[in-house]
């Protein structure tokens, strides 16, 4: 049986911002990937960036430095 694991999920207002975040995170070697927006989170854009919770400080820095407009940063239990 699969187990849920806590993940850090960044939601966005637009797909363009989500794609910019993906590019910027990969450039800055922050592990993660684009995922469908979990149903627990509400946002205008249907995709999100998912990474490990310990990356939160780096994600916040990347968002600020890159001028990326995130709607929110959430901790969500997801199936791995």
C-alpha atoms as a PDB file:
ATOM      1  CA  UNK A   1       0.000   0.000   0.000  1.00  0.00           C
ATOM      2  CA  UNK A   2       1.292   3.435  -0.909  1.00  0.00           C
ATOM      3  CA  UNK A   3       1.889   5.910   1.877  1.00  0.00           C
ATOM      4  CA  UNK A   4       1.346   9.633   1.853  1.00  0.00           C
ATOM      5  CA  UNK A   5       4.353  11.843   2.451  1.00  0.00           C
ATOM      6  CA  UNK A   6       4.440  15.535   3.315  1.00  0.00           C
ATOM      7  CA  UNK A   7       5.444  17.681   0.345  1.00  0.00           C
ATOM      8  CA  UNK A   8       5.883  21.387  -0.240  1.00  0.00           C
ATOM      9  CA  UNK A   9       3.529  22.555  -2.989  1.00  0.00           C
ATOM     10  CA  UNK A  10       3.738  26.010  -4.574  1.00  0.00           C
ATOM     11  CA  UNK A  11       0.579  27.220  -6.304  1.00  0.00           C
ATOM     12  CA  UNK A  12       0.425  29.925  -8.972  1.00  0.00           C
ATOM     13  CA  UNK A  13      -2.042  32.326 -10.536  1.00  0.00           C
ATOM     14  CA  UNK A  14      -0.989  31.433 -14.088  1.00  0.00           C
ATOM     15  CA  UNK A  15       0.580  28.563 -15.983  1.00  0.00           C
ATOM     16  CA  UNK A  16       3.238  30.997 -17.212  1.00  0.00           C
ATOM     17  CA  UNK A  17       4.336  31.663 -13.626  1.00  0.00           C
ATOM     18  CA  UNK A  18       4.394  27.926 -12.862  1.00  0.00           C
ATOM     19  CA  UNK A  19       6.608  27.275 -15.886  1.00  0.00           C
ATOM     20  CA  UNK A  20       8.904  30.174 -14.934  1.00  0.00           C
ATOM     21  CA  UNK A  21       9.222  28.719 -11.432  1.00  0.00           C
ATOM     22  CA  UNK A  22      10.091  25.309 -12.859  1.00  0.00           C
ATOM     23  CA  UNK A  23      12.806  26.803 -15.066  1.00  0.00           C
ATOM     24  CA  UNK A  24      14.222  28.905 -12.233  1.00  0.00           C
ATOM     25  CA  UNK A  25      14.175  26.010  -9.732  1.00  0.00           C
ATOM     26  CA  UNK A  26      15.921  23.651 -12.138  1.00  0.00           C
ATOM     27  CA  UNK A  27      18.523  26.323 -12.909  1.00  0.00           C
ATOM     28  CA  UNK A  28      19.155  26.708  -9.162  1.00  0.00           C
ATOM     29  CA  UNK A  29      19.280  22.930  -8.606  1.00  0.00           C
ATOM     30  CA  UNK A  30      16.172  22.758  -6.426  1.00  0.00           C
ATOM     31  CA  UNK A  31      14.704  19.278  -6.788  1.00  0.00           C
ATOM     32  CA  UNK A  32      11.055  19.020  -7.683  1.00  0.00           C
ATOM     33  CA  UNK A  33       8.579  18.808 -10.510  1.00  0.00           C
ATOM     34  CA  UNK A  34       5.390  20.250 -11.935  1.00  0.00           C
ATOM     35  CA  UNK A  35       2.294  18.391 -10.697  1.00  0.00           C
ATOM     36  CA  UNK A  36      -1.471  18.780 -11.103  1.00  0.00           C
ATOM     37  CA  UNK A  37      -2.758  21.091  -8.381  1.00  0.00           C
ATOM     38  CA  UNK A  38      -3.927  18.958  -5.420  1.00  0.00           C
ATOM     39  CA  UNK A  39      -7.651  19.262  -4.716  1.00  0.00           C
ATOM     40  CA  UNK A  40      -6.930  20.559  -1.191  1.00  0.00           C
ATOM     41  CA  UNK A  41      -5.531  23.771  -2.691  1.00  0.00           C
ATOM     42  CA  UNK A  42      -7.472  26.431  -4.578  1.00  0.00           C
ATOM     43  CA  UNK A  43      -5.757  28.492  -7.278  1.00  0.00           C
ATOM     44  CA  UNK A  44      -6.506  29.862 -10.723  1.00  0.00           C
ATOM     45  CA  UNK A  45      -3.786  27.744 -12.314  1.00  0.00           C
ATOM     46  CA  UNK A  46      -4.213  23.965 -12.409  1.00  0.00           C
ATOM     47  CA  UNK A  47      -0.534  23.086 -11.970  1.00  0.00           C
ATOM     48  CA  UNK A  48       1.917  23.497  -9.106  1.00  0.00           C
ATOM     49  CA  UNK A  49       5.586  22.963  -8.241  1.00  0.00           C
ATOM     50  CA  UNK A  50       6.190  20.111  -5.791  1.00  0.00           C
ATOM     51  CA  UNK A  51       9.352  19.581  -3.746  1.00  0.00           C
ATOM     52  CA  UNK A  52      10.507  18.376  -0.352  1.00  0.00           C
ATOM     53  CA  UNK A  53       9.487  20.428   2.725  1.00  0.00           C
ATOM     54  CA  UNK A  54      13.128  21.080   3.647  1.00  0.00           C
ATOM     55  CA  UNK A  55      13.458  23.135   0.431  1.00  0.00           C
ATOM     56  CA  UNK A  56      10.997  25.792   1.665  1.00  0.00           C
ATOM     57  CA  UNK A  57      13.588  28.468   2.456  1.00  0.00           C
ATOM     58  CA  UNK A  58      15.296  28.018  -0.915  1.00  0.00           C
ATOM     59  CA  UNK A  59      11.937  28.071  -2.740  1.00  0.00           C
ATOM     60  CA  UNK A  60      10.957  31.323  -1.035  1.00  0.00           C
ATOM     61  CA  UNK A  61      14.315  32.837  -2.026  1.00  0.00           C
ATOM     62  CA  UNK A  62      13.985  31.680  -5.644  1.00  0.00           C
ATOM     63  CA  UNK A  63      10.463  33.113  -5.871  1.00  0.00           C
ATOM     64  CA  UNK A  64      11.661  36.472  -4.534  1.00  0.00           C
ATOM     65  CA  UNK A  65      14.865  36.592  -6.603  1.00  0.00           C
ATOM     66  CA  UNK A  66      13.142  35.454  -9.797  1.00  0.00           C
ATOM     67  CA  UNK A  67      10.193  37.828  -9.509  1.00  0.00           C
ATOM     68  CA  UNK A  68       7.849  34.837  -9.664  1.00  0.00           C
ATOM     69  CA  UNK A  69       4.285  35.412  -8.481  1.00  0.00           C
ATOM     70  CA  UNK A  70       3.267  32.426  -6.392  1.00  0.00           C
ATOM     71  CA  UNK A  71      -0.255  32.283  -5.015  1.00  0.00           C
ATOM     72  CA  UNK A  72       0.813  30.249  -1.995  1.00  0.00           C
ATOM     73  CA  UNK A  73       3.230  27.783  -0.471  1.00  0.00           C
ATOM     74  CA  UNK A  74       1.534  24.801   1.135  1.00  0.00           C
ATOM     75  CA  UNK A  75       2.474  21.642   3.028  1.00  0.00           C
ATOM     76  CA  UNK A  76       0.323  18.807   1.739  1.00  0.00           C
ATOM     77  CA  UNK A  77       0.362  15.036   2.258  1.00  0.00           C
ATOM     78  CA  UNK A  78       0.620  13.392  -1.159  1.00  0.00           C
ATOM     79  CA  UNK A  79       1.181   9.864  -2.394  1.00  0.00           C
ATOM     80  CA  UNK A  80       4.782   9.400  -3.489  1.00  0.00           C
END
